[in-house]
Amino acid sequence: MVGLEPDEGFLPWYVSWSGVFVGALSALALLLVFGLTGLAVGAHQIGQRFASWHEFRVITLAFSVFGSFLSFVLGGWAAARVTGTRRAETAMLHGAIAWLVTVPGLLFFTALGAGGNLGVWYGGLAAPPPWAPQATPMVENATAALAARNAALGALTALLLGLVGSVVGGWMGSGERMSLNYANRPHRQYGRAWGETR
């Protein structure tokens, strides 16, 4: 028979939904700022489909990568700070949940036609709605299939970069030292490592 210490039981992780929604809205807002800035400087073009990655410019790639990553870093950081947690694991969980809440919002905005304002990569999330009449019949050609594949690959990359950014932002928002070997240090009664003064 194994006896459990009182603090070793299965305890739920409480979720601060106010922190999650503030993080999700801040990520959407900064994503819109990056997307509109990219449109203003000519990095993004609304409605442009890339049949080949050779047509994808470097400035477009930079705005897409940094815009997606940094927007969700802000979302994860805001979720962690509003939650008020000081543990990295809980803060990263809130950052990831903020990303989960943001994804349906991104799908909603791209379905409404606003995906081009968020950046080139998020345009791949949109599909023509079934109730919208097609102006021209669907034509099977290889260029359209390649453009759809590249748009889906870009959207997947942007979403995964956003997930990584939200977890990193949550970790930053917790205030814990960003070191991977930090968890292996011996802990005292209150969860701080020996010799740590913060």
N, C-alpha and C. Protein backbone atom coordinates (compact mmCIF):
# COMPACT_ATOMS: atom_id res chain seq x y z
N MET A 1 0.84 -1.18 0.00
CA MET A 1 0.00 0.00 0.00
C MET A 1 0.88 1.23 0.00
N VAL A 2 0.56 2.16 -0.86
CA VAL A 2 1.35 3.38 -0.99
C VAL A 2 0.56 4.53 -0.39
N GLY A 3 1.20 5.23 0.51
CA GLY A 3 0.54 6.39 1.11
C GLY A 3 0.91 7.66 0.37
N LEU A 4 -0.06 8.50 0.14
CA LEU A 4 0.19 9.77 -0.56
C LEU A 4 0.31 10.89 0.45
N GLU A 5 1.24 11.75 0.20
CA GLU A 5 1.33 12.97 0.99
C GLU A 5 0.13 13.85 0.64
N PRO A 6 -0.29 14.74 1.53
CA PRO A 6 -1.47 15.58 1.23
C PRO A 6 -1.30 16.44 -0.03
N ASP A 7 -0.05 16.85 -0.32
CA ASP A 7 0.13 17.71 -1.50
C ASP A 7 0.44 16.91 -2.75
N GLU A 8 0.47 15.58 -2.68
CA GLU A 8 0.77 14.77 -3.85
C GLU A 8 -0.48 14.24 -4.53
N GLY A 9 -1.66 14.60 -4.05
CA GLY A 9 -2.89 14.13 -4.66
C GLY A 9 -3.13 14.79 -6.00
N PHE A 10 -4.14 14.32 -6.66
CA PHE A 10 -4.49 14.90 -7.95
C PHE A 10 -5.32 16.15 -7.71
N LEU A 11 -4.75 17.27 -8.05
CA LEU A 11 -5.43 18.54 -7.87
C LEU A 11 -5.73 19.14 -9.23
N PRO A 12 -6.90 19.74 -9.39
CA PRO A 12 -7.21 20.36 -10.69
C PRO A 12 -6.41 21.64 -10.88
N TRP A 13 -6.16 21.97 -12.14
CA TRP A 13 -5.53 23.25 -12.46
C TRP A 13 -6.66 24.21 -12.78
N TYR A 14 -6.79 25.21 -11.98
CA TYR A 14 -7.85 26.19 -12.17
C TYR A 14 -7.47 27.12 -13.32
N VAL A 15 -8.45 27.45 -14.13
CA VAL A 15 -8.24 28.29 -15.29
C VAL A 15 -8.88 29.64 -15.03
N SER A 16 -8.11 30.69 -15.21
CA SER A 16 -8.63 32.05 -15.10
C SER A 16 -9.11 32.47 -16.49
N TRP A 17 -10.42 32.44 -16.69
CA TRP A 17 -10.95 32.73 -18.02
C TRP A 17 -10.80 34.19 -18.39
N SER A 18 -10.75 35.07 -17.42
CA SER A 18 -10.51 36.48 -17.75
C SER A 18 -9.11 36.64 -18.34
N GLY A 19 -8.13 35.95 -17.77
CA GLY A 19 -6.78 36.01 -18.32
C GLY A 19 -6.71 35.40 -19.71
N VAL A 20 -7.43 34.30 -19.91
CA VAL A 20 -7.42 33.63 -21.21
C VAL A 20 -8.02 34.54 -22.28
N PHE A 21 -9.16 35.17 -21.98
CA PHE A 21 -9.81 36.02 -22.98
C PHE A 21 -9.02 37.30 -23.24
N VAL A 22 -8.40 37.86 -22.22
CA VAL A 22 -7.54 39.03 -22.44
C VAL A 22 -6.35 38.64 -23.32
N GLY A 23 -5.76 37.48 -23.06
CA GLY A 23 -4.66 37.01 -23.89
C GLY A 23 -5.07 36.77 -25.33
N ALA A 24 -6.24 36.15 -25.52
CA ALA A 24 -6.72 35.88 -26.88
C ALA A 24 -7.00 37.18 -27.63
N LEU A 25 -7.65 38.12 -26.97
CA LEU A 25 -7.96 39.40 -27.64
C LEU A 25 -6.70 40.21 -27.92
N SER A 26 -5.72 40.17 -27.03
CA SER A 26 -4.49 40.90 -27.29
C SER A 26 -3.71 40.27 -28.44
N ALA A 27 -3.74 38.94 -28.55
CA ALA A 27 -3.08 38.28 -29.67
C ALA A 27 -3.75 38.65 -30.99
N LEU A 28 -5.09 38.66 -31.01
CA LEU A 28 -5.80 39.06 -32.23
C LEU A 28 -5.52 40.51 -32.59
N ALA A 29 -5.46 41.38 -31.59
CA ALA A 29 -5.21 42.80 -31.87
C ALA A 29 -3.82 43.01 -32.44
N LEU A 30 -2.80 42.38 -31.85
CA LEU A 30 -1.45 42.56 -32.38
C LEU A 30 -1.29 41.88 -33.73
N LEU A 31 -1.98 40.78 -33.95
CA LEU A 31 -1.95 40.13 -35.25
C LEU A 31 -2.54 41.03 -36.32
N LEU A 32 -3.62 41.74 -35.97
CA LEU A 32 -4.21 42.70 -36.90
C LEU A 32 -3.25 43.86 -37.16
N VAL A 33 -2.56 44.34 -36.12
CA VAL A 33 -1.59 45.42 -36.30
C VAL A 33 -0.46 44.98 -37.23
N PHE A 34 0.07 43.77 -37.02
CA PHE A 34 1.12 43.27 -37.91
C PHE A 34 0.59 43.09 -39.33
N GLY A 35 -0.61 42.58 -39.49
CA GLY A 35 -1.17 42.38 -40.82
C GLY A 35 -1.40 43.68 -41.56
N LEU A 36 -1.97 44.68 -40.87
CA LEU A 36 -2.20 45.97 -41.52
C LEU A 36 -0.90 46.71 -41.80
N THR A 37 0.09 46.56 -40.93
CA THR A 37 1.41 47.16 -41.19
C THR A 37 2.04 46.51 -42.41
N GLY A 38 1.90 45.19 -42.51
CA GLY A 38 2.42 44.50 -43.69
C GLY A 38 1.73 44.94 -44.97
N LEU A 39 0.43 45.21 -44.90
CA LEU A 39 -0.28 45.75 -46.07
C LEU A 39 0.22 47.16 -46.41
N ALA A 40 0.46 47.96 -45.38
CA ALA A 40 0.88 49.35 -45.61
C ALA A 40 2.27 49.44 -46.22
N VAL A 41 3.18 48.56 -45.82
CA VAL A 41 4.54 48.63 -46.36
C VAL A 41 4.70 47.76 -47.61
N GLY A 42 3.65 47.08 -48.03
CA GLY A 42 3.70 46.29 -49.25
C GLY A 42 4.18 44.87 -49.07
N ALA A 43 4.29 44.41 -47.83
CA ALA A 43 4.73 43.03 -47.61
C ALA A 43 3.61 42.05 -47.90
N HIS A 44 2.37 42.43 -47.64
CA HIS A 44 1.23 41.56 -47.89
C HIS A 44 0.39 42.13 -49.02
N GLN A 45 -0.24 41.25 -49.77
CA GLN A 45 -1.20 41.64 -50.79
C GLN A 45 -2.43 40.78 -50.61
N ILE A 46 -3.58 41.44 -50.47
CA ILE A 46 -4.82 40.72 -50.22
C ILE A 46 -5.23 39.97 -51.47
N GLY A 47 -5.60 38.71 -51.30
CA GLY A 47 -6.11 37.90 -52.40
C GLY A 47 -5.06 37.24 -53.25
N GLN A 48 -3.78 37.45 -52.94
CA GLN A 48 -2.73 36.85 -53.75
C GLN A 48 -2.51 35.41 -53.32
N ARG A 49 -2.50 34.50 -54.27
CA ARG A 49 -2.26 33.09 -54.00
C ARG A 49 -0.89 32.73 -54.55
N PHE A 50 -0.14 31.96 -53.81
CA PHE A 50 1.20 31.58 -54.21
C PHE A 50 1.20 30.15 -54.71
N ALA A 51 1.43 30.00 -56.02
CA ALA A 51 1.48 28.66 -56.60
C ALA A 51 2.84 28.02 -56.34
N SER A 52 3.84 28.85 -56.08
CA SER A 52 5.18 28.35 -55.82
C SER A 52 5.79 29.17 -54.68
N TRP A 53 6.64 28.53 -53.88
CA TRP A 53 7.29 29.26 -52.79
C TRP A 53 8.33 30.23 -53.31
N HIS A 54 8.70 30.12 -54.58
CA HIS A 54 9.64 31.07 -55.16
C HIS A 54 9.00 32.45 -55.33
N GLU A 55 7.67 32.51 -55.39
CA GLU A 55 6.96 33.79 -55.51
C GLU A 55 6.82 34.49 -54.17
N PHE A 56 7.12 33.79 -53.09
CA PHE A 56 6.96 34.32 -51.73
C PHE A 56 8.17 35.18 -51.42
N ARG A 57 7.96 36.49 -51.18
CA ARG A 57 9.08 37.40 -50.94
C ARG A 57 9.60 37.27 -49.50
N VAL A 58 10.84 37.71 -49.29
CA VAL A 58 11.47 37.60 -47.98
C VAL A 58 10.77 38.50 -46.97
N ILE A 59 10.38 39.70 -47.35
CA ILE A 59 9.70 40.61 -46.41
C ILE A 59 8.33 40.06 -46.03
N THR A 60 7.67 39.39 -46.96
CA THR A 60 6.39 38.76 -46.64
C THR A 60 6.60 37.63 -45.65
N LEU A 61 7.64 36.84 -45.85
CA LEU A 61 7.95 35.76 -44.93
C LEU A 61 8.29 36.32 -43.54
N ALA A 62 9.07 37.39 -43.49
CA ALA A 62 9.45 37.98 -42.20
C ALA A 62 8.22 38.51 -41.45
N PHE A 63 7.34 39.22 -42.15
CA PHE A 63 6.14 39.73 -41.48
C PHE A 63 5.23 38.59 -41.04
N SER A 64 5.14 37.53 -41.83
CA SER A 64 4.28 36.41 -41.47
C SER A 64 4.81 35.66 -40.26
N VAL A 65 6.10 35.37 -40.25
CA VAL A 65 6.70 34.61 -39.15
C VAL A 65 6.69 35.43 -37.87
N PHE A 66 7.25 36.63 -37.93
CA PHE A 66 7.34 37.43 -36.71
C PHE A 66 5.98 37.91 -36.24
N GLY A 67 5.09 38.21 -37.17
CA GLY A 67 3.76 38.64 -36.79
C GLY A 67 3.00 37.55 -36.06
N SER A 68 3.06 36.34 -36.57
CA SER A 68 2.36 35.23 -35.93
C SER A 68 2.99 34.90 -34.58
N PHE A 69 4.30 34.80 -34.53
CA PHE A 69 4.97 34.42 -33.29
C PHE A 69 4.82 35.49 -32.21
N LEU A 70 5.14 36.74 -32.54
CA LEU A 70 5.11 37.79 -31.52
C LEU A 70 3.70 38.13 -31.06
N SER A 71 2.72 37.99 -31.92
CA SER A 71 1.34 38.24 -31.50
C SER A 71 0.91 37.26 -30.42
N PHE A 72 1.26 36.02 -30.59
CA PHE A 72 0.87 35.04 -29.59
C PHE A 72 1.79 35.04 -28.37
N VAL A 73 3.02 35.54 -28.52
CA VAL A 73 3.84 35.77 -27.33
C VAL A 73 3.15 36.80 -26.44
N LEU A 74 2.65 37.87 -27.06
CA LEU A 74 1.90 38.86 -26.29
C LEU A 74 0.64 38.26 -25.68
N GLY A 75 -0.06 37.41 -26.43
CA GLY A 75 -1.26 36.77 -25.91
C GLY A 75 -0.98 35.88 -24.72
N GLY A 76 0.08 35.07 -24.81
CA GLY A 76 0.45 34.21 -23.69
C GLY A 76 0.93 35.01 -22.49
N TRP A 77 1.70 36.07 -22.75
CA TRP A 77 2.20 36.91 -21.66
C TRP A 77 1.04 37.61 -20.95
N ALA A 78 0.09 38.15 -21.73
CA ALA A 78 -1.06 38.83 -21.12
C ALA A 78 -1.93 37.85 -20.33
N ALA A 79 -2.10 36.64 -20.86
CA ALA A 79 -2.89 35.64 -20.14
C ALA A 79 -2.24 35.29 -18.81
N ALA A 80 -0.92 35.14 -18.81
CA ALA A 80 -0.22 34.80 -17.57
C ALA A 80 -0.24 35.94 -16.57
N ARG A 81 -0.07 37.17 -17.06
CA ARG A 81 -0.02 38.30 -16.14
C ARG A 81 -1.39 38.61 -15.55
N VAL A 82 -2.43 38.52 -16.34
CA VAL A 82 -3.78 38.77 -15.81
C VAL A 82 -4.19 37.66 -14.86
N THR A 83 -3.78 36.43 -15.14
CA THR A 83 -4.06 35.32 -14.25
C THR A 83 -3.37 35.51 -12.91
N GLY A 84 -2.17 36.06 -12.93
CA GLY A 84 -1.44 36.31 -11.69
C GLY A 84 -0.66 35.12 -11.17
N THR A 85 -0.47 34.12 -11.99
CA THR A 85 0.26 32.94 -11.54
C THR A 85 1.75 33.20 -11.61
N ARG A 86 2.48 32.60 -10.71
CA ARG A 86 3.93 32.73 -10.69
C ARG A 86 4.62 31.43 -11.07
N ARG A 87 3.86 30.39 -11.33
CA ARG A 87 4.43 29.11 -11.75
C ARG A 87 4.43 29.05 -13.27
N ALA A 88 5.55 28.60 -13.83
CA ALA A 88 5.69 28.57 -15.29
C ALA A 88 4.71 27.60 -15.93
N GLU A 89 4.46 26.46 -15.30
CA GLU A 89 3.58 25.47 -15.91
C GLU A 89 2.16 25.99 -16.05
N THR A 90 1.65 26.62 -14.99
CA THR A 90 0.30 27.16 -15.04
C THR A 90 0.22 28.32 -16.02
N ALA A 91 1.26 29.14 -16.06
CA ALA A 91 1.27 30.27 -16.99
C ALA A 91 1.31 29.79 -18.44
N MET A 92 2.10 28.75 -18.71
CA MET A 92 2.16 28.21 -20.07
C MET A 92 0.83 27.56 -20.46
N LEU A 93 0.18 26.93 -19.49
CA LEU A 93 -1.15 26.35 -19.75
C LEU A 93 -2.14 27.44 -20.13
N HIS A 94 -2.11 28.57 -19.42
CA HIS A 94 -3.02 29.67 -19.75
C HIS A 94 -2.69 30.27 -21.12
N GLY A 95 -1.40 30.33 -21.46
CA GLY A 95 -1.02 30.81 -22.79
C GLY A 95 -1.52 29.89 -23.89
N ALA A 96 -1.41 28.59 -23.67
CA ALA A 96 -1.90 27.63 -24.67
C ALA A 96 -3.42 27.66 -24.78
N ILE A 97 -4.11 27.85 -23.67
CA ILE A 97 -5.57 27.94 -23.73
C ILE A 97 -5.99 29.22 -24.44
N ALA A 98 -5.24 30.31 -24.24
CA ALA A 98 -5.52 31.55 -24.98
C ALA A 98 -5.36 31.31 -26.48
N TRP A 99 -4.36 30.53 -26.87
CA TRP A 99 -4.20 30.19 -28.29
C TRP A 99 -5.40 29.37 -28.78
N LEU A 100 -5.85 28.41 -27.96
CA LEU A 100 -7.01 27.60 -28.34
C LEU A 100 -8.26 28.44 -28.52
N VAL A 101 -8.43 29.46 -27.69
CA VAL A 101 -9.60 30.34 -27.81
C VAL A 101 -9.48 31.23 -29.05
N THR A 102 -8.25 31.57 -29.43
CA THR A 102 -8.03 32.45 -30.57
C THR A 102 -8.27 31.76 -31.90
N VAL A 103 -8.00 30.47 -31.99
CA VAL A 103 -8.12 29.76 -33.27
C VAL A 103 -9.54 29.81 -33.85
N PRO A 104 -10.61 29.57 -33.08
CA PRO A 104 -11.95 29.74 -33.67
C PRO A 104 -12.23 31.19 -34.08
N GLY A 105 -11.67 32.15 -33.35
CA GLY A 105 -11.82 33.54 -33.77
C GLY A 105 -11.15 33.80 -35.10
N LEU A 106 -9.96 33.22 -35.30
CA LEU A 106 -9.28 33.36 -36.59
C LEU A 106 -10.10 32.71 -37.71
N LEU A 107 -10.67 31.54 -37.44
CA LEU A 107 -11.51 30.89 -38.44
C LEU A 107 -12.73 31.73 -38.77
N PHE A 108 -13.32 32.35 -37.75
CA PHE A 108 -14.49 33.19 -37.95
C PHE A 108 -14.15 34.41 -38.82
N PHE A 109 -13.05 35.07 -38.50
CA PHE A 109 -12.69 36.27 -39.26
C PHE A 109 -12.27 35.94 -40.69
N THR A 110 -11.59 34.81 -40.89
CA THR A 110 -11.25 34.45 -42.26
C THR A 110 -12.47 34.02 -43.05
N ALA A 111 -13.46 33.42 -42.38
CA ALA A 111 -14.70 33.05 -43.08
C ALA A 111 -15.47 34.29 -43.50
N LEU A 112 -15.34 35.37 -42.72
CA LEU A 112 -16.00 36.62 -43.09
C LEU A 112 -15.24 37.38 -44.17
N GLY A 113 -14.04 36.93 -44.51
CA GLY A 113 -13.26 37.60 -45.54
C GLY A 113 -12.20 38.53 -45.01
N ALA A 114 -11.98 38.55 -43.71
CA ALA A 114 -10.98 39.45 -43.13
C ALA A 114 -9.65 38.77 -42.89
N GLY A 115 -9.46 37.57 -43.40
CA GLY A 115 -8.22 36.84 -43.19
C GLY A 115 -7.02 37.51 -43.84
N GLY A 116 -7.23 38.21 -44.94
CA GLY A 116 -6.13 38.91 -45.60
C GLY A 116 -5.58 40.06 -44.77
N ASN A 117 -6.41 40.61 -43.88
CA ASN A 117 -5.93 41.68 -43.02
C ASN A 117 -5.04 41.17 -41.89
N LEU A 118 -5.07 39.87 -41.63
CA LEU A 118 -4.27 39.29 -40.56
C LEU A 118 -2.91 38.82 -41.06
N GLY A 119 -2.71 38.78 -42.32
CA GLY A 119 -1.45 38.34 -42.90
C GLY A 119 -1.70 37.33 -44.00
N VAL A 120 -0.68 37.07 -44.77
CA VAL A 120 -0.81 36.20 -45.93
C VAL A 120 -1.09 34.76 -45.51
N TRP A 121 -0.45 34.30 -44.45
CA TRP A 121 -0.58 32.89 -44.09
C TRP A 121 -1.95 32.54 -43.57
N TYR A 122 -2.64 33.46 -42.93
CA TYR A 122 -3.94 33.14 -42.37
C TYR A 122 -5.03 33.09 -43.43
N GLY A 123 -4.75 33.51 -44.64
CA GLY A 123 -5.71 33.38 -45.72
C GLY A 123 -5.99 31.92 -46.08
N GLY A 124 -5.06 31.02 -45.74
CA GLY A 124 -5.23 29.60 -46.01
C GLY A 124 -6.25 28.94 -45.11
N LEU A 125 -6.70 29.63 -44.07
CA LEU A 125 -7.73 29.07 -43.19
C LEU A 125 -9.12 29.17 -43.81
N ALA A 126 -9.28 30.07 -44.76
CA ALA A 126 -10.60 30.33 -45.32
C ALA A 126 -10.89 29.40 -46.48
N ALA A 127 -12.11 29.01 -46.56
CA ALA A 127 -12.63 28.26 -47.70
C ALA A 127 -13.90 28.97 -48.15
N PRO A 128 -14.28 28.85 -49.38
CA PRO A 128 -15.52 29.50 -49.79
C PRO A 128 -16.70 28.93 -49.01
N PRO A 129 -17.51 29.78 -48.42
CA PRO A 129 -18.65 29.27 -47.66
C PRO A 129 -19.64 28.56 -48.57
N PRO A 130 -20.32 27.55 -48.06
CA PRO A 130 -21.23 26.78 -48.92
C PRO A 130 -22.44 27.58 -49.39
N TRP A 131 -22.83 28.62 -48.66
CA TRP A 131 -24.00 29.38 -49.06
C TRP A 131 -23.67 30.45 -50.10
N ALA A 132 -22.39 30.75 -50.31
CA ALA A 132 -22.00 31.77 -51.28
C ALA A 132 -22.02 31.16 -52.68
N PRO A 133 -22.72 31.81 -53.60
CA PRO A 133 -22.74 31.27 -54.97
C PRO A 133 -21.38 31.46 -55.64
N GLN A 134 -21.00 30.49 -56.42
CA GLN A 134 -19.74 30.55 -57.14
C GLN A 134 -19.93 31.40 -58.39
N ALA A 135 -19.06 32.41 -58.56
CA ALA A 135 -19.15 33.28 -59.73
C ALA A 135 -18.75 32.51 -60.99
N THR A 136 -17.78 31.67 -60.87
CA THR A 136 -17.34 30.85 -61.99
C THR A 136 -17.31 29.41 -61.53
N PRO A 137 -17.53 28.49 -62.43
CA PRO A 137 -17.48 27.08 -62.02
C PRO A 137 -16.07 26.69 -61.59
N MET A 138 -16.01 25.72 -60.69
CA MET A 138 -14.71 25.23 -60.23
C MET A 138 -14.01 24.52 -61.38
N VAL A 139 -12.78 24.93 -61.64
CA VAL A 139 -12.00 24.33 -62.72
C VAL A 139 -10.82 23.61 -62.09
N GLU A 140 -10.64 22.41 -62.49
CA GLU A 140 -9.52 21.63 -61.98
C GLU A 140 -8.27 22.02 -62.76
N ASN A 141 -7.30 22.60 -62.06
CA ASN A 141 -5.99 22.81 -62.69
C ASN A 141 -4.92 22.66 -61.62
N ALA A 142 -3.74 22.40 -62.08
CA ALA A 142 -2.64 22.09 -61.16
C ALA A 142 -2.19 23.33 -60.40
N THR A 143 -2.27 24.50 -61.00
CA THR A 143 -1.83 25.73 -60.34
C THR A 143 -2.72 26.05 -59.15
N ALA A 144 -4.02 25.89 -59.30
CA ALA A 144 -4.93 26.16 -58.18
C ALA A 144 -4.73 25.15 -57.06
N ALA A 145 -4.44 23.92 -57.41
CA ALA A 145 -4.19 22.91 -56.37
C ALA A 145 -2.91 23.21 -55.61
N LEU A 146 -1.87 23.64 -56.33
CA LEU A 146 -0.62 24.01 -55.66
C LEU A 146 -0.80 25.23 -54.77
N ALA A 147 -1.58 26.20 -55.24
CA ALA A 147 -1.83 27.39 -54.44
C ALA A 147 -2.61 27.05 -53.17
N ALA A 148 -3.58 26.16 -53.27
CA ALA A 148 -4.34 25.74 -52.10
C ALA A 148 -3.46 24.97 -51.12
N ARG A 149 -2.58 24.11 -51.66
CA ARG A 149 -1.67 23.37 -50.79
C ARG A 149 -0.71 24.29 -50.06
N ASN A 150 -0.16 25.28 -50.78
CA ASN A 150 0.76 26.23 -50.15
C ASN A 150 0.05 27.11 -49.13
N ALA A 151 -1.19 27.48 -49.40
CA ALA A 151 -1.94 28.28 -48.43
C ALA A 151 -2.23 27.47 -47.16
N ALA A 152 -2.56 26.20 -47.33
CA ALA A 152 -2.81 25.35 -46.15
C ALA A 152 -1.53 25.13 -45.37
N LEU A 153 -0.41 24.94 -46.05
CA LEU A 153 0.86 24.77 -45.37
C LEU A 153 1.26 26.04 -44.62
N GLY A 154 1.03 27.19 -45.23
CA GLY A 154 1.32 28.46 -44.54
C GLY A 154 0.44 28.67 -43.33
N ALA A 155 -0.84 28.33 -43.44
CA ALA A 155 -1.75 28.48 -42.29
C ALA A 155 -1.36 27.54 -41.17
N LEU A 156 -0.99 26.31 -41.50
CA LEU A 156 -0.55 25.37 -40.47
C LEU A 156 0.71 25.87 -39.78
N THR A 157 1.66 26.40 -40.55
CA THR A 157 2.88 26.93 -39.97
C THR A 157 2.59 28.12 -39.06
N ALA A 158 1.71 29.00 -39.50
CA ALA A 158 1.36 30.16 -38.68
C ALA A 158 0.68 29.74 -37.38
N LEU A 159 -0.20 28.75 -37.44
CA LEU A 159 -0.87 28.28 -36.23
C LEU A 159 0.12 27.63 -35.26
N LEU A 160 1.04 26.82 -35.77
CA LEU A 160 2.01 26.18 -34.89
C LEU A 160 3.00 27.19 -34.31
N LEU A 161 3.40 28.19 -35.10
CA LEU A 161 4.23 29.26 -34.56
C LEU A 161 3.49 30.03 -33.47
N GLY A 162 2.19 30.22 -33.67
CA GLY A 162 1.39 30.88 -32.65
C GLY A 162 1.30 30.08 -31.37
N LEU A 163 1.18 28.75 -31.47
CA LEU A 163 1.14 27.91 -30.28
C LEU A 163 2.46 28.00 -29.51
N VAL A 164 3.57 27.90 -30.23
CA VAL A 164 4.87 28.02 -29.58
C VAL A 164 5.03 29.40 -28.95
N GLY A 165 4.59 30.43 -29.66
CA GLY A 165 4.68 31.78 -29.12
C GLY A 165 3.83 31.98 -27.87
N SER A 166 2.65 31.38 -27.83
CA SER A 166 1.79 31.55 -26.65
C SER A 166 2.38 30.84 -25.44
N VAL A 167 3.01 29.69 -25.65
CA VAL A 167 3.64 28.97 -24.53
C VAL A 167 4.86 29.75 -24.04
N VAL A 168 5.67 30.27 -24.96
CA VAL A 168 6.83 31.07 -24.55
C VAL A 168 6.38 32.35 -23.86
N GLY A 169 5.33 32.98 -24.37
CA GLY A 169 4.80 34.18 -23.72
C GLY A 169 4.26 33.91 -22.33
N GLY A 170 3.59 32.77 -22.15
CA GLY A 170 3.12 32.41 -20.82
C GLY A 170 4.27 32.18 -19.87
N TRP A 171 5.33 31.56 -20.36
CA TRP A 171 6.51 31.33 -19.54
C TRP A 171 7.15 32.66 -19.15
N MET A 172 7.23 33.58 -20.11
CA MET A 172 7.79 34.90 -19.80
C MET A 172 6.92 35.64 -18.79
N GLY A 173 5.60 35.50 -18.92
CA GLY A 173 4.69 36.19 -18.03
C GLY A 173 4.70 35.67 -16.61
N SER A 174 5.18 34.43 -16.43
CA SER A 174 5.21 33.87 -15.07
C SER A 174 6.29 34.51 -14.23
N GLY A 175 7.33 35.03 -14.85
CA GLY A 175 8.43 35.62 -14.11
C GLY A 175 9.48 34.62 -13.68
N GLU A 176 9.26 33.34 -13.94
CA GLU A 176 10.28 32.34 -13.60
C GLU A 176 11.43 32.44 -14.57
N ARG A 177 12.57 32.03 -14.09
CA ARG A 177 13.77 32.04 -14.91
C ARG A 177 13.57 31.12 -16.11
N MET A 178 13.97 31.59 -17.28
CA MET A 178 13.78 30.81 -18.50
C MET A 178 15.00 29.93 -18.74
N SER A 179 15.06 28.85 -18.00
CA SER A 179 16.15 27.89 -18.11
C SER A 179 15.54 26.49 -18.05
N LEU A 180 15.99 25.61 -18.90
CA LEU A 180 15.42 24.28 -18.94
C LEU A 180 15.90 23.40 -17.79
N ASN A 181 17.04 23.71 -17.19
CA ASN A 181 17.53 22.90 -16.08
C ASN A 181 17.07 23.45 -14.74
N TYR A 182 16.23 24.46 -14.74
CA TYR A 182 15.73 25.07 -13.51
C TYR A 182 14.89 24.09 -12.71
N ALA A 183 14.15 23.23 -13.37
CA ALA A 183 13.26 22.30 -12.67
C ALA A 183 14.03 21.20 -11.96
N ASN A 184 15.28 20.97 -12.33
CA ASN A 184 16.06 19.91 -11.72
C ASN A 184 16.74 20.34 -10.43
N ARG A 185 16.61 21.59 -10.05
CA ARG A 185 17.26 22.06 -8.83
C ARG A 185 16.42 21.67 -7.61
N PRO A 186 17.06 21.41 -6.47
CA PRO A 186 16.28 21.04 -5.27
C PRO A 186 15.45 22.22 -4.78
N HIS A 187 14.25 21.91 -4.29
CA HIS A 187 13.33 22.95 -3.85
C HIS A 187 13.13 22.90 -2.34
N ARG A 188 12.88 24.06 -1.79
CA ARG A 188 12.54 24.16 -0.37
C ARG A 188 11.04 24.00 -0.21
N GLN A 189 10.57 24.36 0.94
CA GLN A 189 9.16 24.17 1.26
C GLN A 189 8.24 25.02 0.40
N TYR A 190 8.62 26.23 0.04
CA TYR A 190 7.73 27.15 -0.68
C TYR A 190 7.94 27.12 -2.18
N GLY A 191 8.65 26.15 -2.72
CA GLY A 191 8.76 26.00 -4.16
C GLY A 191 9.91 26.75 -4.78
N ARG A 192 10.68 27.51 -4.01
CA ARG A 192 11.83 28.20 -4.57
C ARG A 192 13.05 27.31 -4.46
N ALA A 193 13.96 27.49 -5.40
CA ALA A 193 15.18 26.69 -5.36
C ALA A 193 16.09 27.21 -4.27
N TRP A 194 16.95 26.32 -3.78
CA TRP A 194 17.90 26.73 -2.75
C TRP A 194 18.81 27.82 -3.28
N GLY A 195 19.00 28.85 -2.52
CA GLY A 195 19.86 29.96 -2.91
C GLY A 195 19.15 31.02 -3.74
N GLU A 196 17.88 30.86 -4.01
CA GLU A 196 17.15 31.83 -4.82
C GLU A 196 16.51 32.87 -3.90
N THR A 197 16.62 34.14 -4.26
CA THR A 197 16.14 35.20 -3.37
C THR A 197 14.89 35.88 -3.84
N ARG A 198 14.40 35.61 -5.01
CA ARG A 198 13.22 36.35 -5.49
C ARG A 198 11.96 35.86 -4.86
